[in-house]
Amino acid sequence: MERAEKRELVASLQSALSGAGSIVLAQNAGLTVANLETLRREVKGAGGYVKVAKNRLAKLALKDTDHADISGLFTGPIVIAYAEDPMTAPKLAQKFAEKNAKYVVLGGVMGKTALDAE
């Protein structure tokens, strides 16, 4: 990926995440493409979004937002679920994790409040 592409990705991710009411991070090691598409459809149907991005670029995108610092959660393959409604992303991520053992919720953020896996 070229530098210009990386800057563009960081800028678009930053604008999307800065308007989010909640953001949930989860590990997705071992999830199939079909499982990930199911998650995307469920979250999108509720008004949210699911992104997979390189950890370093996602940290850069979150750095200049008003959200709490959750950069320590970016280890391994991460799926980012977010929505404007603060309850949408956490609720759907937890529901999906109950059905899929390989989808492990690590935590997230709701405004300036960091959320743990519980």
PDB file of N, CA and C in Angstrom:
ATOM      1  N   MET A   1       0.845  -1.174   0.000  1.00  0.00           N
ATOM      2  CA  MET A   1       0.000   0.000   0.000  1.00  0.00           C
ATOM      3  C   MET A   1       0.894   1.243   0.000  1.00  0.00           C
ATOM      4  N   GLU A   2       0.629   2.151  -0.859  1.00  0.00           N
ATOM      5  CA  GLU A   2       1.414   3.383  -0.950  1.00  0.00           C
ATOM      6  C   GLU A   2       1.060   4.336   0.193  1.00  0.00           C
ATOM      7  N   ARG A   3       1.970   5.269   0.476  1.00  0.00           N
ATOM      8  CA  ARG A   3       1.743   6.232   1.558  1.00  0.00           C
ATOM      9  C   ARG A   3       0.466   7.035   1.370  1.00  0.00           C
ATOM     10  N   ALA A   4       0.210   7.462   0.145  1.00  0.00           N
ATOM     11  CA  ALA A   4      -0.996   8.250  -0.126  1.00  0.00           C
ATOM     12  C   ALA A   4      -2.250   7.431   0.171  1.00  0.00           C
ATOM     13  N   GLU A   5      -2.232   6.164  -0.181  1.00  0.00           N
ATOM     14  CA  GLU A   5      -3.362   5.276   0.104  1.00  0.00           C
ATOM     15  C   GLU A   5      -3.539   5.101   1.607  1.00  0.00           C
ATOM     16  N   LYS A   6      -2.436   4.969   2.327  1.00  0.00           N
ATOM     17  CA  LYS A   6      -2.499   4.826   3.781  1.00  0.00           C
ATOM     18  C   LYS A   6      -3.078   6.078   4.422  1.00  0.00           C
ATOM     19  N   ARG A   7      -2.622   7.250   3.965  1.00  0.00           N
ATOM     20  CA  ARG A   7      -3.153   8.510   4.508  1.00  0.00           C
ATOM     21  C   ARG A   7      -4.649   8.621   4.258  1.00  0.00           C
ATOM     22  N   GLU A   8      -5.065   8.239   3.071  1.00  0.00           N
ATOM     23  CA  GLU A   8      -6.483   8.300   2.717  1.00  0.00           C
ATOM     24  C   GLU A   8      -7.295   7.345   3.584  1.00  0.00           C
ATOM     25  N   LEU A   9      -6.780   6.138   3.798  1.00  0.00           N
ATOM     26  CA  LEU A   9      -7.455   5.154   4.644  1.00  0.00           C
ATOM     27  C   LEU A   9      -7.567   5.651   6.075  1.00  0.00           C
ATOM     28  N   VAL A  10      -6.477   6.201   6.609  1.00  0.00           N
ATOM     29  CA  VAL A  10      -6.492   6.722   7.981  1.00  0.00           C
ATOM     30  C   VAL A  10      -7.498   7.864   8.101  1.00  0.00           C
ATOM     31  N   ALA A  11      -7.528   8.756   7.119  1.00  0.00           N
ATOM     32  CA  ALA A  11      -8.455   9.891   7.155  1.00  0.00           C
ATOM     33  C   ALA A  11      -9.909   9.430   7.097  1.00  0.00           C
ATOM     34  N   SER A  12     -10.210   8.471   6.233  1.00  0.00           N
ATOM     35  CA  SER A  12     -11.593   7.996   6.138  1.00  0.00           C
ATOM     36  C   SER A  12     -12.003   7.228   7.387  1.00  0.00           C
ATOM     37  N   LEU A  13     -11.095   6.438   7.931  1.00  0.00           N
ATOM     38  CA  LEU A  13     -11.392   5.701   9.158  1.00  0.00           C
ATOM     39  C   LEU A  13     -11.550   6.660  10.330  1.00  0.00           C
ATOM     40  N   GLN A  14     -10.723   7.696  10.369  1.00  0.00           N
ATOM     41  CA  GLN A  14     -10.816   8.683  11.446  1.00  0.00           C
ATOM     42  C   GLN A  14     -12.146   9.428  11.397  1.00  0.00           C
ATOM     43  N   SER A  15     -12.589   9.820  10.221  1.00  0.00           N
ATOM     44  CA  SER A  15     -13.865  10.532  10.122  1.00  0.00           C
ATOM     45  C   SER A  15     -15.028   9.621  10.503  1.00  0.00           C
ATOM     46  N   ALA A  16     -14.944   8.348  10.142  1.00  0.00           N
ATOM     47  CA  ALA A  16     -16.002   7.403  10.493  1.00  0.00           C
ATOM     48  C   ALA A  16     -16.038   7.141  11.991  1.00  0.00           C
ATOM     49  N   LEU A  17     -14.863   6.933  12.606  1.00  0.00           N
ATOM     50  CA  LEU A  17     -14.819   6.598  14.027  1.00  0.00           C
ATOM     51  C   LEU A  17     -15.077   7.800  14.932  1.00  0.00           C
ATOM     52  N   SER A  18     -14.756   9.005  14.468  1.00  0.00           N
ATOM     53  CA  SER A  18     -14.966  10.181  15.312  1.00  0.00           C
ATOM     54  C   SER A  18     -16.448  10.444  15.533  1.00  0.00           C
ATOM     55  N   GLY A  19     -17.308  10.030  14.604  1.00  0.00           N
ATOM     56  CA  GLY A  19     -18.743  10.219  14.764  1.00  0.00           C
ATOM     57  C   GLY A  19     -19.449   9.045  15.404  1.00  0.00           C
ATOM     58  N   ALA A  20     -18.699   8.033  15.776  1.00  0.00           N
ATOM     59  CA  ALA A  20     -19.297   6.819  16.348  1.00  0.00           C
ATOM     60  C   ALA A  20     -19.675   7.021  17.815  1.00  0.00           C
ATOM     61  N   GLY A  21     -20.836   6.516  18.181  1.00  0.00           N
ATOM     62  CA  GLY A  21     -21.264   6.548  19.579  1.00  0.00           C
ATOM     63  C   GLY A  21     -20.575   5.478  20.394  1.00  0.00           C
ATOM     64  N   SER A  22     -20.219   4.368  19.728  1.00  0.00           N
ATOM     65  CA  SER A  22     -19.488   3.291  20.397  1.00  0.00           C
ATOM     66  C   SER A  22     -18.649   2.554  19.374  1.00  0.00           C
ATOM     67  N   ILE A  23     -17.536   2.003  19.864  1.00  0.00           N
ATOM     68  CA  ILE A  23     -16.623   1.217  19.043  1.00  0.00           C
ATOM     69  C   ILE A  23     -16.284  -0.047  19.824  1.00  0.00           C
ATOM     70  N   VAL A  24     -16.346  -1.191  19.161  1.00  0.00           N
ATOM     71  CA  VAL A  24     -16.022  -2.462  19.805  1.00  0.00           C
ATOM     72  C   VAL A  24     -14.905  -3.134  19.012  1.00  0.00           C
ATOM     73  N   LEU A  25     -13.897  -3.613  19.718  1.00  0.00           N
ATOM     74  CA  LEU A  25     -12.785  -4.336  19.102  1.00  0.00           C
ATOM     75  C   LEU A  25     -12.875  -5.807  19.497  1.00  0.00           C
ATOM     76  N   ALA A  26     -12.660  -6.670  18.515  1.00  0.00           N
ATOM     77  CA  ALA A  26     -12.700  -8.106  18.782  1.00  0.00           C
ATOM     78  C   ALA A  26     -11.656  -8.805  17.931  1.00  0.00           C
ATOM     79  N   GLN A  27     -11.135  -9.903  18.460  1.00  0.00           N
ATOM     80  CA  GLN A  27     -10.213 -10.725  17.682  1.00  0.00           C
ATOM     81  C   GLN A  27     -11.031 -11.634  16.783  1.00  0.00           C
ATOM     82  N   ASN A  28     -10.543 -11.823  15.585  1.00  0.00           N
ATOM     83  CA  ASN A  28     -11.278 -12.664  14.642  1.00  0.00           C
ATOM     84  C   ASN A  28     -10.425 -13.787  14.080  1.00  0.00           C
ATOM     85  N   ALA A  29      -9.416 -14.207  14.796  1.00  0.00           N
ATOM     86  CA  ALA A  29      -8.548 -15.281  14.306  1.00  0.00           C
ATOM     87  C   ALA A  29      -9.366 -16.555  14.128  1.00  0.00           C
ATOM     88  N   GLY A  30      -9.383 -17.060  12.912  1.00  0.00           N
ATOM     89  CA  GLY A  30     -10.077 -18.310  12.647  1.00  0.00           C
ATOM     90  C   GLY A  30     -11.495 -18.151  12.145  1.00  0.00           C
ATOM     91  N   LEU A  31     -12.024 -16.939  12.077  1.00  0.00           N
ATOM     92  CA  LEU A  31     -13.362 -16.739  11.534  1.00  0.00           C
ATOM     93  C   LEU A  31     -13.337 -16.941  10.025  1.00  0.00           C
ATOM     94  N   THR A  32     -14.358 -17.555   9.512  1.00  0.00           N
ATOM     95  CA  THR A  32     -14.448 -17.721   8.066  1.00  0.00           C
ATOM     96  C   THR A  32     -14.972 -16.436   7.437  1.00  0.00           C
ATOM     97  N   VAL A  33     -14.800 -16.303   6.156  1.00  0.00           N
ATOM     98  CA  VAL A  33     -15.308 -15.139   5.436  1.00  0.00           C
ATOM     99  C   VAL A  33     -16.833 -15.089   5.556  1.00  0.00           C
ATOM    100  N   ALA A  34     -17.475 -16.238   5.508  1.00  0.00           N
ATOM    101  CA  ALA A  34     -18.934 -16.289   5.630  1.00  0.00           C
ATOM    102  C   ALA A  34     -19.386 -15.773   6.993  1.00  0.00           C
ATOM    103  N   ASN A  35     -18.658 -16.148   8.058  1.00  0.00           N
ATOM    104  CA  ASN A  35     -18.998 -15.654   9.397  1.00  0.00           C
ATOM    105  C   ASN A  35     -18.833 -14.150   9.491  1.00  0.00           C
ATOM    106  N   LEU A  36     -17.759 -13.640   8.926  1.00  0.00           N
ATOM    107  CA  LEU A  36     -17.509 -12.203   8.960  1.00  0.00           C
ATOM    108  C   LEU A  36     -18.571 -11.444   8.157  1.00  0.00           C
ATOM    109  N   GLU A  37     -18.988 -11.998   7.042  1.00  0.00           N
ATOM    110  CA  GLU A  37     -20.054 -11.369   6.248  1.00  0.00           C
ATOM    111  C   GLU A  37     -21.382 -11.373   7.003  1.00  0.00           C
ATOM    112  N   THR A  38     -21.643 -12.432   7.751  1.00  0.00           N
ATOM    113  CA  THR A  38     -22.850 -12.484   8.573  1.00  0.00           C
ATOM    114  C   THR A  38     -22.827 -11.366   9.610  1.00  0.00           C
ATOM    115  N   LEU A  39     -21.679 -11.181  10.253  1.00  0.00           N
ATOM    116  CA  LEU A  39     -21.534 -10.097  11.224  1.00  0.00           C
ATOM    117  C   LEU A  39     -21.748  -8.748  10.554  1.00  0.00           C
ATOM    118  N   ARG A  40     -21.149  -8.541   9.405  1.00  0.00           N
ATOM    119  CA  ARG A  40     -21.302  -7.267   8.679  1.00  0.00           C
ATOM    120  C   ARG A  40     -22.769  -6.985   8.358  1.00  0.00           C
ATOM    121  N   ARG A  41     -23.491  -7.996   7.895  1.00  0.00           N
ATOM    122  CA  ARG A  41     -24.905  -7.811   7.558  1.00  0.00           C
ATOM    123  C   ARG A  41     -25.728  -7.465   8.790  1.00  0.00           C
ATOM    124  N   GLU A  42     -25.480  -8.161   9.905  1.00  0.00           N
ATOM    125  CA  GLU A  42     -26.230  -7.900  11.138  1.00  0.00           C
ATOM    126  C   GLU A  42     -25.987  -6.478  11.638  1.00  0.00           C
ATOM    127  N   VAL A  43     -24.718  -6.070  11.657  1.00  0.00           N
ATOM    128  CA  VAL A  43     -24.373  -4.747  12.156  1.00  0.00           C
ATOM    129  C   VAL A  43     -24.890  -3.662  11.212  1.00  0.00           C
ATOM    130  N   LYS A  44     -24.738  -3.884   9.917  1.00  0.00           N
ATOM    131  CA  LYS A  44     -25.213  -2.891   8.942  1.00  0.00           C
ATOM    132  C   LYS A  44     -26.731  -2.757   8.996  1.00  0.00           C
ATOM    133  N   GLY A  45     -27.435  -3.859   9.208  1.00  0.00           N
ATOM    134  CA  GLY A  45     -28.886  -3.833   9.331  1.00  0.00           C
ATOM    135  C   GLY A  45     -29.364  -3.016  10.522  1.00  0.00           C
ATOM    136  N   ALA A  46     -28.517  -2.905  11.535  1.00  0.00           N
ATOM    137  CA  ALA A  46     -28.850  -2.133  12.736  1.00  0.00           C
ATOM    138  C   ALA A  46     -28.294  -0.710  12.677  1.00  0.00           C
ATOM    139  N   GLY A  47     -27.678  -0.342  11.548  1.00  0.00           N
ATOM    140  CA  GLY A  47     -27.178   1.023  11.397  1.00  0.00           C
ATOM    141  C   GLY A  47     -25.716   1.206  11.748  1.00  0.00           C
ATOM    142  N   GLY A  48     -24.965   0.119  11.858  1.00  0.00           N
ATOM    143  CA  GLY A  48     -23.546   0.212  12.203  1.00  0.00           C
ATOM    144  C   GLY A  48     -22.666  -0.268  11.067  1.00  0.00           C
ATOM    145  N   TYR A  49     -21.385  -0.362  11.353  1.00  0.00           N
ATOM    146  CA  TYR A  49     -20.400  -0.756  10.346  1.00  0.00           C
ATOM    147  C   TYR A  49     -19.367  -1.679  10.964  1.00  0.00           C
ATOM    148  N   VAL A  50     -18.757  -2.512  10.128  1.00  0.00           N
ATOM    149  CA  VAL A  50     -17.676  -3.404  10.543  1.00  0.00           C
ATOM    150  C   VAL A  50     -16.506  -3.165   9.602  1.00  0.00           C
ATOM    151  N   LYS A  51     -15.319  -2.949  10.177  1.00  0.00           N
ATOM    152  CA  LYS A  51     -14.110  -2.714   9.385  1.00  0.00           C
ATOM    153  C   LYS A  51     -13.002  -3.621   9.878  1.00  0.00           C
ATOM    154  N   VAL A  52     -12.152  -4.007   8.949  1.00  0.00           N
ATOM    155  CA  VAL A  52     -10.908  -4.689   9.269  1.00  0.00           C
ATOM    156  C   VAL A  52      -9.803  -3.807   8.703  1.00  0.00           C
ATOM    157  N   ALA A  53      -8.882  -3.371   9.556  1.00  0.00           N
ATOM    158  CA  ALA A  53      -7.793  -2.499   9.122  1.00  0.00           C
ATOM    159  C   ALA A  53      -6.521  -2.921   9.837  1.00  0.00           C
ATOM    160  N   LYS A  54      -5.405  -2.522   9.284  1.00  0.00           N
ATOM    161  CA  LYS A  54      -4.132  -2.791   9.957  1.00  0.00           C
ATOM    162  C   LYS A  54      -4.142  -2.065  11.298  1.00  0.00           C
ATOM    163  N   ASN A  55      -3.615  -2.734  12.312  1.00  0.00           N
ATOM    164  CA  ASN A  55      -3.639  -2.173  13.667  1.00  0.00           C
ATOM    165  C   ASN A  55      -2.960  -0.817  13.742  1.00  0.00           C
ATOM    166  N   ARG A  56      -1.825  -0.672  13.105  1.00  0.00           N
ATOM    167  CA  ARG A  56      -1.094   0.590  13.172  1.00  0.00           C
ATOM    168  C   ARG A  56      -1.910   1.729  12.566  1.00  0.00           C
ATOM    169  N   LEU A  57      -2.567   1.466  11.452  1.00  0.00           N
ATOM    170  CA  LEU A  57      -3.373   2.495  10.803  1.00  0.00           C
ATOM    171  C   LEU A  57      -4.625   2.821  11.621  1.00  0.00           C
ATOM    172  N   ALA A  58      -5.225   1.805  12.231  1.00  0.00           N
ATOM    173  CA  ALA A  58      -6.402   2.039  13.075  1.00  0.00           C
ATOM    174  C   ALA A  58      -6.028   2.857  14.312  1.00  0.00           C
ATOM    175  N   LYS A  59      -4.866   2.598  14.898  1.00  0.00           N
ATOM    176  CA  LYS A  59      -4.398   3.391  16.044  1.00  0.00           C
ATOM    177  C   LYS A  59      -4.204   4.844  15.646  1.00  0.00           C
ATOM    178  N   LEU A  60      -3.616   5.068  14.476  1.00  0.00           N
ATOM    179  CA  LEU A  60      -3.427   6.437  13.993  1.00  0.00           C
ATOM    180  C   LEU A  60      -4.774   7.136  13.793  1.00  0.00           C
ATOM    181  N   ALA A  61      -5.751   6.412  13.285  1.00  0.00           N
ATOM    182  CA  ALA A  61      -7.078   6.993  13.053  1.00  0.00           C
ATOM    183  C   ALA A  61      -7.770   7.356  14.360  1.00  0.00           C
ATOM    184  N   LEU A  62      -7.588   6.544  15.389  1.00  0.00           N
ATOM    185  CA  LEU A  62      -8.232   6.810  16.686  1.00  0.00           C
ATOM    186  C   LEU A  62      -7.496   7.856  17.511  1.00  0.00           C
ATOM    187  N   LYS A  63      -6.238   8.106  17.188  1.00  0.00           N
ATOM    188  CA  LYS A  63      -5.398   8.980  18.005  1.00  0.00           C
ATOM    189  C   LYS A  63      -5.969  10.384  18.159  1.00  0.00           C
ATOM    190  N   ASP A  64      -6.495  10.966  17.111  1.00  0.00           N
ATOM    191  CA  ASP A  64      -6.971  12.344  17.157  1.00  0.00           C
ATOM    192  C   ASP A  64      -8.485  12.464  17.327  1.00  0.00           C
ATOM    193  N   THR A  65      -9.125  11.433  17.855  1.00  0.00           N
ATOM    194  CA  THR A  65     -10.563  11.508  18.114  1.00  0.00           C
ATOM    195  C   THR A  65     -10.797  11.795  19.590  1.00  0.00           C
ATOM    196  N   ASP A  66     -12.053  12.012  19.952  1.00  0.00           N
ATOM    197  CA  ASP A  66     -12.418  12.285  21.342  1.00  0.00           C
ATOM    198  C   ASP A  66     -12.619  11.018  22.156  1.00  0.00           C
ATOM    199  N   HIS A  67     -12.413   9.874  21.544  1.00  0.00           N
ATOM    200  CA  HIS A  67     -12.628   8.607  22.239  1.00  0.00           C
ATOM    201  C   HIS A  67     -11.467   8.295  23.183  1.00  0.00           C
ATOM    202  N   ALA A  68     -11.765   7.468  24.185  1.00  0.00           N
ATOM    203  CA  ALA A  68     -10.743   7.042  25.137  1.00  0.00           C
ATOM    204  C   ALA A  68      -9.654   6.250  24.407  1.00  0.00           C
ATOM    205  N   ASP A  69      -8.483   6.201  24.995  1.00  0.00           N
ATOM    206  CA  ASP A  69      -7.359   5.496  24.382  1.00  0.00           C
ATOM    207  C   ASP A  69      -7.519   3.989  24.566  1.00  0.00           C
ATOM    208  N   ILE A  70      -7.728   3.292  23.469  1.00  0.00           N
ATOM    209  CA  ILE A  70      -7.867   1.836  23.496  1.00  0.00           C
ATOM    210  C   ILE A  70      -6.802   1.180  22.632  1.00  0.00           C
ATOM    211  N   SER A  71      -5.708   1.891  22.400  1.00  0.00           N
ATOM    212  CA  SER A  71      -4.671   1.393  21.504  1.00  0.00           C
ATOM    213  C   SER A  71      -4.036   0.100  22.013  1.00  0.00           C
ATOM    214  N   GLY A  72      -4.094  -0.165  23.310  1.00  0.00           N
ATOM    215  CA  GLY A  72      -3.529  -1.387  23.864  1.00  0.00           C
ATOM    216  C   GLY A  72      -4.274  -2.647  23.441  1.00  0.00           C
ATOM    217  N   LEU A  73      -5.494  -2.480  22.956  1.00  0.00           N
ATOM    218  CA  LEU A  73      -6.293  -3.634  22.537  1.00  0.00           C
ATOM    219  C   LEU A  73      -5.968  -4.109  21.122  1.00  0.00           C
ATOM    220  N   PHE A  74      -5.211  -3.315  20.379  1.00  0.00           N
ATOM    221  CA  PHE A  74      -4.888  -3.657  18.994  1.00  0.00           C
ATOM    222  C   PHE A  74      -3.712  -4.620  18.934  1.00  0.00           C
ATOM    223  N   THR A  75      -3.998  -5.898  19.139  1.00  0.00           N
ATOM    224  CA  THR A  75      -2.990  -6.945  19.000  1.00  0.00           C
ATOM    225  C   THR A  75      -3.612  -8.094  18.219  1.00  0.00           C
ATOM    226  N   GLY A  76      -2.908  -8.563  17.229  1.00  0.00           N
ATOM    227  CA  GLY A  76      -3.424  -9.649  16.409  1.00  0.00           C
ATOM    228  C   GLY A  76      -4.472  -9.165  15.426  1.00  0.00           C
ATOM    229  N   PRO A  77      -5.162 -10.091  14.770  1.00  0.00           N
ATOM    230  CA  PRO A  77      -6.191  -9.713  13.812  1.00  0.00           C
ATOM    231  C   PRO A  77      -7.422  -9.152  14.524  1.00  0.00           C
ATOM    232  N   ILE A  78      -7.772  -7.909  14.202  1.00  0.00           N
ATOM    233  CA  ILE A  78      -8.836  -7.191  14.904  1.00  0.00           C
ATOM    234  C   ILE A  78      -9.958  -6.810  13.945  1.00  0.00           C
ATOM    235  N   VAL A  79     -11.183  -6.927  14.433  1.00  0.00           N
ATOM    236  CA  VAL A  79     -12.363  -6.451  13.731  1.00  0.00           C
ATOM    237  C   VAL A  79     -12.899  -5.272  14.525  1.00  0.00           C
ATOM    238  N   ILE A  80     -13.186  -4.169  13.826  1.00  0.00           N
ATOM    239  CA  ILE A  80     -13.714  -2.967  14.458  1.00  0.00           C
ATOM    240  C   ILE A  80     -15.181  -2.849  14.090  1.00  0.00           C
ATOM    241  N   ALA A  81     -16.050  -2.856  15.096  1.00  0.00           N
ATOM    242  CA  ALA A  81     -17.487  -2.636  14.878  1.00  0.00           C
ATOM    243  C   ALA A  81     -17.834  -1.302  15.524  1.00  0.00           C
ATOM    244  N   TYR A  82     -18.576  -0.466  14.803  1.00  0.00           N
ATOM    245  CA  TYR A  82     -18.943   0.837  15.359  1.00  0.00           C
ATOM    246  C   TYR A  82     -20.296   1.269  14.822  1.00  0.00           C
ATOM    247  N   ALA A  83     -20.932   2.173  15.578  1.00  0.00           N
ATOM    248  CA  ALA A  83     -22.239   2.696  15.192  1.00  0.00           C
ATOM    249  C   ALA A  83     -22.460   4.032  15.875  1.00  0.00           C
ATOM    250  N   GLU A  84     -23.350   4.834  15.313  1.00  0.00           N
ATOM    251  CA  GLU A  84     -23.691   6.109  15.940  1.00  0.00           C
ATOM    252  C   GLU A  84     -24.447   5.881  17.244  1.00  0.00           C
ATOM    253  N   ASP A  85     -25.361   4.912  17.240  1.00  0.00           N
ATOM    254  CA  ASP A  85     -26.101   4.574  18.450  1.00  0.00           C
ATOM    255  C   ASP A  85     -25.156   3.864  19.416  1.00  0.00           C
ATOM    256  N   PRO A  86     -24.983   4.372  20.628  1.00  0.00           N
ATOM    257  CA  PRO A  86     -24.005   3.794  21.555  1.00  0.00           C
ATOM    258  C   PRO A  86     -24.247   2.329  21.927  1.00  0.00           C
ATOM    259  N   MET A  87     -25.476   1.847  21.828  1.00  0.00           N
ATOM    260  CA  MET A  87     -25.764   0.476  22.254  1.00  0.00           C
ATOM    261  C   MET A  87     -25.677  -0.553  21.127  1.00  0.00           C
ATOM    262  N   THR A  88     -25.689  -0.119  19.899  1.00  0.00           N
ATOM    263  CA  THR A  88     -25.746  -1.045  18.765  1.00  0.00           C
ATOM    264  C   THR A  88     -24.513  -1.936  18.660  1.00  0.00           C
ATOM    265  N   ALA A  89     -23.331  -1.343  18.565  1.00  0.00           N
ATOM    266  CA  ALA A  89     -22.105  -2.133  18.366  1.00  0.00           C
ATOM    267  C   ALA A  89     -21.831  -3.092  19.523  1.00  0.00           C
ATOM    268  N   PRO A  90     -21.890  -2.649  20.794  1.00  0.00           N
ATOM    269  CA  PRO A  90     -21.625  -3.601  21.881  1.00  0.00           C
ATOM    270  C   PRO A  90     -22.639  -4.742  21.945  1.00  0.00           C
ATOM    271  N   LYS A  91     -23.891  -4.417  21.734  1.00  0.00           N
ATOM    272  CA  LYS A  91     -24.939  -5.438  21.824  1.00  0.00           C
ATOM    273  C   LYS A  91     -24.776  -6.497  20.729  1.00  0.00           C
ATOM    274  N   LEU A  92     -24.566  -6.055  19.495  1.00  0.00           N
ATOM    275  CA  LEU A  92     -24.433  -7.003  18.393  1.00  0.00           C
ATOM    276  C   LEU A  92     -23.118  -7.783  18.451  1.00  0.00           C
ATOM    277  N   ALA A  93     -22.043  -7.149  18.903  1.00  0.00           N
ATOM    278  CA  ALA A  93     -20.766  -7.846  19.034  1.00  0.00           C
ATOM    279  C   ALA A  93     -20.869  -8.960  20.075  1.00  0.00           C
ATOM    280  N   GLN A  94     -21.513  -8.674  21.190  1.00  0.00           N
ATOM    281  CA  GLN A  94     -21.663  -9.679  22.241  1.00  0.00           C
ATOM    282  C   GLN A  94     -22.558 -10.823  21.767  1.00  0.00           C
ATOM    283  N   LYS A  95     -23.632 -10.484  21.080  1.00  0.00           N
ATOM    284  CA  LYS A  95     -24.538 -11.505  20.547  1.00  0.00           C
ATOM    285  C   LYS A  95     -23.815 -12.412  19.552  1.00  0.00           C
ATOM    286  N   PHE A  96     -22.989 -11.821  18.678  1.00  0.00           N
ATOM    287  CA  PHE A  96     -22.240 -12.595  17.696  1.00  0.00           C
ATOM    288  C   PHE A  96     -21.180 -13.462  18.379  1.00  0.00           C
ATOM    289  N   ALA A  97     -20.545 -12.944  19.426  1.00  0.00           N
ATOM    290  CA  ALA A  97     -19.517 -13.693  20.155  1.00  0.00           C
ATOM    291  C   ALA A  97     -20.105 -14.923  20.843  1.00  0.00           C
ATOM    292  N   GLU A  98     -21.354 -14.827  21.286  1.00  0.00           N
ATOM    293  CA  GLU A  98     -21.999 -15.973  21.925  1.00  0.00           C
ATOM    294  C   GLU A  98     -22.196 -17.126  20.947  1.00  0.00           C
ATOM    295  N   LYS A  99     -22.392 -16.801  19.659  1.00  0.00           N
ATOM    296  CA  LYS A  99     -22.614 -17.824  18.633  1.00  0.00           C
ATOM    297  C   LYS A  99     -21.306 -18.339  18.026  1.00  0.00           C
ATOM    298  N   ASN A 100     -20.234 -17.525  18.078  1.00  0.00           N
ATOM    299  CA  ASN A 100     -18.969 -17.859  17.424  1.00  0.00           C
ATOM    300  C   ASN A 100     -17.822 -17.768  18.422  1.00  0.00           C
ATOM    301  N   ALA A 101     -17.299 -18.913  18.820  1.00  0.00           N
ATOM    302  CA  ALA A 101     -16.241 -18.955  19.832  1.00  0.00           C
ATOM    303  C   ALA A 101     -14.944 -18.299  19.350  1.00  0.00           C
ATOM    304  N   LYS A 102     -14.730 -18.223  18.048  1.00  0.00           N
ATOM    305  CA  LYS A 102     -13.495 -17.643  17.530  1.00  0.00           C
ATOM    306  C   LYS A 102     -13.543 -16.121  17.458  1.00  0.00           C
ATOM    307  N   TYR A 103     -14.700 -15.538  17.692  1.00  0.00           N
ATOM    308  CA  TYR A 103     -14.865 -14.088  17.724  1.00  0.00           C
ATOM    309  C   TYR A 103     -14.840 -13.675  19.193  1.00  0.00           C
ATOM    310  N   VAL A 104     -13.721 -13.102  19.632  1.00  0.00           N
ATOM    311  CA  VAL A 104     -13.526 -12.778  21.046  1.00  0.00           C
ATOM    312  C   VAL A 104     -13.528 -11.260  21.227  1.00  0.00           C
ATOM    313  N   VAL A 105     -14.518 -10.752  21.945  1.00  0.00           N
ATOM    314  CA  VAL A 105     -14.608  -9.322  22.209  1.00  0.00           C
ATOM    315  C   VAL A 105     -13.520  -8.939  23.204  1.00  0.00           C
ATOM    316  N   LEU A 106     -12.707  -7.943  22.827  1.00  0.00           N
ATOM    317  CA  LEU A 106     -11.605  -7.484  23.675  1.00  0.00           C
ATOM    318  C   LEU A 106     -11.995  -6.281  24.519  1.00  0.00           C
ATOM    319  N   GLY A 107     -12.841  -5.441  23.981  1.00  0.00           N
ATOM    320  CA  GLY A 107     -13.248  -4.223  24.676  1.00  0.00           C
ATOM    321  C   GLY A 107     -13.651  -3.186  23.657  1.00  0.00           C
ATOM    322  N   GLY A 108     -13.709  -1.959  24.111  1.00  0.00           N
ATOM    323  CA  GLY A 108     -14.096  -0.899  23.197  1.00  0.00           C
ATOM    324  C   GLY A 108     -14.164   0.431  23.896  1.00  0.00           C
ATOM    325  N   VAL A 109     -14.978   1.304  23.330  1.00  0.00           N
ATOM    326  CA  VAL A 109     -15.093   2.646  23.861  1.00  0.00           C
ATOM    327  C   VAL A 109     -16.497   3.173  23.561  1.00  0.00           C
ATOM    328  N   MET A 110     -17.028   3.906  24.529  1.00  0.00           N
ATOM    329  CA  MET A 110     -18.300   4.579  24.369  1.00  0.00           C
ATOM    330  C   MET A 110     -18.056   6.032  24.767  1.00  0.00           C
ATOM    331  N   GLY A 111     -17.818   6.873  23.779  1.00  0.00           N
ATOM    332  CA  GLY A 111     -17.446   8.246  24.067  1.00  0.00           C
ATOM    333  C   GLY A 111     -16.059   8.285  24.662  1.00  0.00           C
ATOM    334  N   LYS A 112     -15.934   8.895  25.838  1.00  0.00           N
ATOM    335  CA  LYS A 112     -14.630   8.966  26.505  1.00  0.00           C
ATOM    336  C   LYS A 112     -14.442   7.851  27.525  1.00  0.00           C
ATOM    337  N   THR A 113     -15.395   6.922  27.577  1.00  0.00           N
ATOM    338  CA  THR A 113     -15.338   5.823  28.520  1.00  0.00           C
ATOM    339  C   THR A 113     -14.868   4.552  27.848  1.00  0.00           C
ATOM    340  N   ALA A 114     -13.775   3.980  28.341  1.00  0.00           N
ATOM    341  CA  ALA A 114     -13.271   2.717  27.815  1.00  0.00           C
ATOM    342  C   ALA A 114     -14.143   1.579  28.348  1.00  0.00           C
ATOM    343  N   LEU A 115     -14.394   0.598  27.501  1.00  0.00           N
ATOM    344  CA  LEU A 115     -15.204  -0.558  27.877  1.00  0.00           C
ATOM    345  C   LEU A 115     -14.324  -1.806  27.910  1.00  0.00           C
ATOM    346  N   ASP A 116     -14.561  -2.664  28.882  1.00  0.00           N
ATOM    347  CA  ASP A 116     -13.839  -3.937  28.903  1.00  0.00           C
ATOM    348  C   ASP A 116     -14.687  -4.998  28.194  1.00  0.00           C
ATOM    349  N   ALA A 117     -14.219  -6.199  28.158  1.00  0.00           N
ATOM    350  CA  ALA A 117     -14.893  -7.267  27.444  1.00  0.00           C
ATOM    351  C   ALA A 117     -16.259  -7.607  28.048  1.00  0.00           C
ATOM    352  N   GLU A 118     -16.470  -7.310  29.293  1.00  0.00           N
ATOM    353  CA  GLU A 118     -17.744  -7.598  29.947  1.00  0.00           C
ATOM    354  C   GLU A 118     -18.784  -6.618  29.503  1.00  0.00           C
TER     355      GLU A 118
END
